Amino acid sequence: MSSEINWDANGLVPVIAQDATTKQVLMLAYMNAEALAKTIGTGNATFWSRRRKSLWMKGETSGNVLRVREIRYDCDGDTILLLVEPAGPACHTGEVSCFYRSLR
């Protein structure tokens, strides 16, 4: 699958995590090829931290893992969609979704 992805100049691709049951968008993060391979291998969402410049498995400290049910990618191959089963809130603030604020 990795060859189907159009990685950006930094070797990253944006990833949307969506609840497989409710269809609520939970979060946006980034993956590199290693994070994608680890996600496929473990079944748990693993991302690349642009700030820390390292891999991180969602929920590795909180326990709020995202169990991956399906991995899709868009028509251009430049965005990944993870359909997940969350084990708790996706947002580090404790909110179910990182998209809990509105501009209007």
Protein backbone atom coordinates (compact mmCIF):
# COMPACT_ATOMS: atom_id res chain seq x y z
CA MET A 1 0.00 0.00 0.00
CA SER A 2 2.84 2.40 0.78
CA SER A 3 3.68 2.72 -2.93
CA GLU A 4 0.14 4.01 -3.58
CA ILE A 5 0.66 6.99 -1.26
CA ASN A 6 1.93 10.34 -2.52
CA TRP A 7 4.21 11.36 0.34
CA ASP A 8 5.00 15.07 0.63
CA ALA A 9 8.53 16.51 0.41
CA ASN A 10 9.08 15.57 4.07
CA GLY A 11 7.94 11.99 3.53
CA LEU A 12 4.61 12.60 5.30
CA VAL A 13 0.93 12.28 4.50
CA PRO A 14 -2.03 13.71 6.47
CA VAL A 15 -4.22 11.12 8.17
CA ILE A 16 -7.82 11.55 9.30
CA ALA A 17 -9.05 9.25 12.06
CA GLN A 18 -12.80 8.65 11.91
CA ASP A 19 -14.90 6.56 14.29
CA ALA A 20 -15.91 3.47 12.31
CA THR A 21 -19.28 3.28 14.06
CA THR A 22 -20.44 6.88 14.52
CA LYS A 23 -18.51 8.32 11.53
CA GLN A 24 -17.41 11.27 13.72
CA VAL A 25 -14.08 12.75 12.65
CA LEU A 26 -11.79 12.32 15.65
CA MET A 27 -8.44 13.82 14.72
CA LEU A 28 -5.91 14.76 12.06
CA ALA A 29 -2.31 13.64 12.31
CA TYR A 30 0.56 12.68 9.99
CA MET A 31 2.25 9.43 9.04
CA ASN A 32 5.49 8.54 7.38
CA ALA A 33 6.06 5.14 5.75
CA GLU A 34 7.30 3.64 9.02
CA ALA A 35 4.20 4.80 10.92
CA LEU A 36 1.95 3.35 8.22
CA ALA A 37 3.79 0.03 8.34
CA LYS A 38 3.56 -0.06 12.15
CA THR A 39 -0.17 0.76 12.00
CA ILE A 40 -0.74 -2.06 9.53
CA GLY A 41 1.40 -4.46 11.57
CA THR A 42 -0.07 -3.75 15.02
CA GLY A 43 -3.61 -2.68 14.18
CA ASN A 44 -3.18 0.40 16.39
CA ALA A 45 -2.92 3.89 14.91
CA THR A 46 0.68 5.07 14.95
CA PHE A 47 1.67 8.51 13.71
CA TRP A 48 4.69 10.71 13.10
CA SER A 49 5.08 13.66 15.44
CA ARG A 50 6.29 16.65 13.43
CA ARG A 51 7.19 18.49 16.64
CA ARG A 52 9.09 15.66 18.36
CA LYS A 53 10.29 14.11 15.10
CA SER A 54 9.43 10.61 16.29
CA LEU A 55 6.80 7.89 16.01
CA TRP A 56 3.97 7.81 18.52
CA MET A 57 1.19 5.33 18.98
CA LYS A 58 -2.07 7.07 19.82
CA GLY A 59 -2.88 6.18 23.42
CA GLU A 60 0.58 4.95 24.38
CA THR A 61 0.45 7.02 27.57
CA SER A 62 -3.30 7.63 28.03
CA GLY A 63 -4.56 4.20 27.04
CA ASN A 64 -6.94 5.84 24.57
CA VAL A 65 -5.73 3.81 21.60
CA LEU A 66 -7.34 3.89 18.17
CA ARG A 67 -7.84 0.32 16.97
CA VAL A 68 -7.79 0.42 13.16
CA ARG A 69 -10.62 -1.36 11.38
CA GLU A 70 -9.91 -0.13 7.86
CA ILE A 71 -7.33 1.99 6.04
CA ARG A 72 -8.46 3.96 3.00
CA TYR A 73 -6.74 6.57 0.87
CA ASP A 74 -8.16 9.27 -1.36
CA CYS A 75 -8.25 9.42 -5.16
CA ASP A 76 -4.98 11.38 -5.32
CA GLY A 77 -3.21 9.18 -2.78
CA ASP A 78 -2.32 12.21 -0.69
CA THR A 79 -4.56 11.65 2.34
CA ILE A 80 -5.21 8.54 4.43
CA LEU A 81 -8.47 7.81 6.24
CA LEU A 82 -8.39 5.48 9.21
CA LEU A 83 -11.70 3.99 10.28
CA VAL A 84 -11.10 3.27 13.94
CA GLU A 85 -12.58 1.96 17.12
CA PRO A 86 -11.51 4.42 19.84
CA ALA A 87 -10.80 3.14 23.36
CA GLY A 88 -11.55 6.56 24.83
CA PRO A 89 -11.38 10.24 23.93
CA ALA A 90 -9.24 10.98 20.88
CA CYS A 91 -8.26 14.49 21.95
CA HIS A 92 -5.54 15.14 24.53
CA THR A 93 -7.95 17.61 26.18
CA GLY A 94 -10.32 14.77 27.05
CA GLU A 95 -12.82 15.65 24.32
CA VAL A 96 -14.15 12.81 22.19
CA SER A 97 -12.91 14.56 19.04
CA CYS A 98 -10.18 17.13 18.46
CA PHE A 99 -12.78 19.05 16.42
CA TYR A 100 -14.95 20.27 19.29
CA ARG A 101 -14.56 24.02 18.67
CA SER A 102 -16.38 26.12 16.08
CA LEU A 103 -15.53 29.38 14.33
CA ARG A 104 -19.19 30.07 13.55
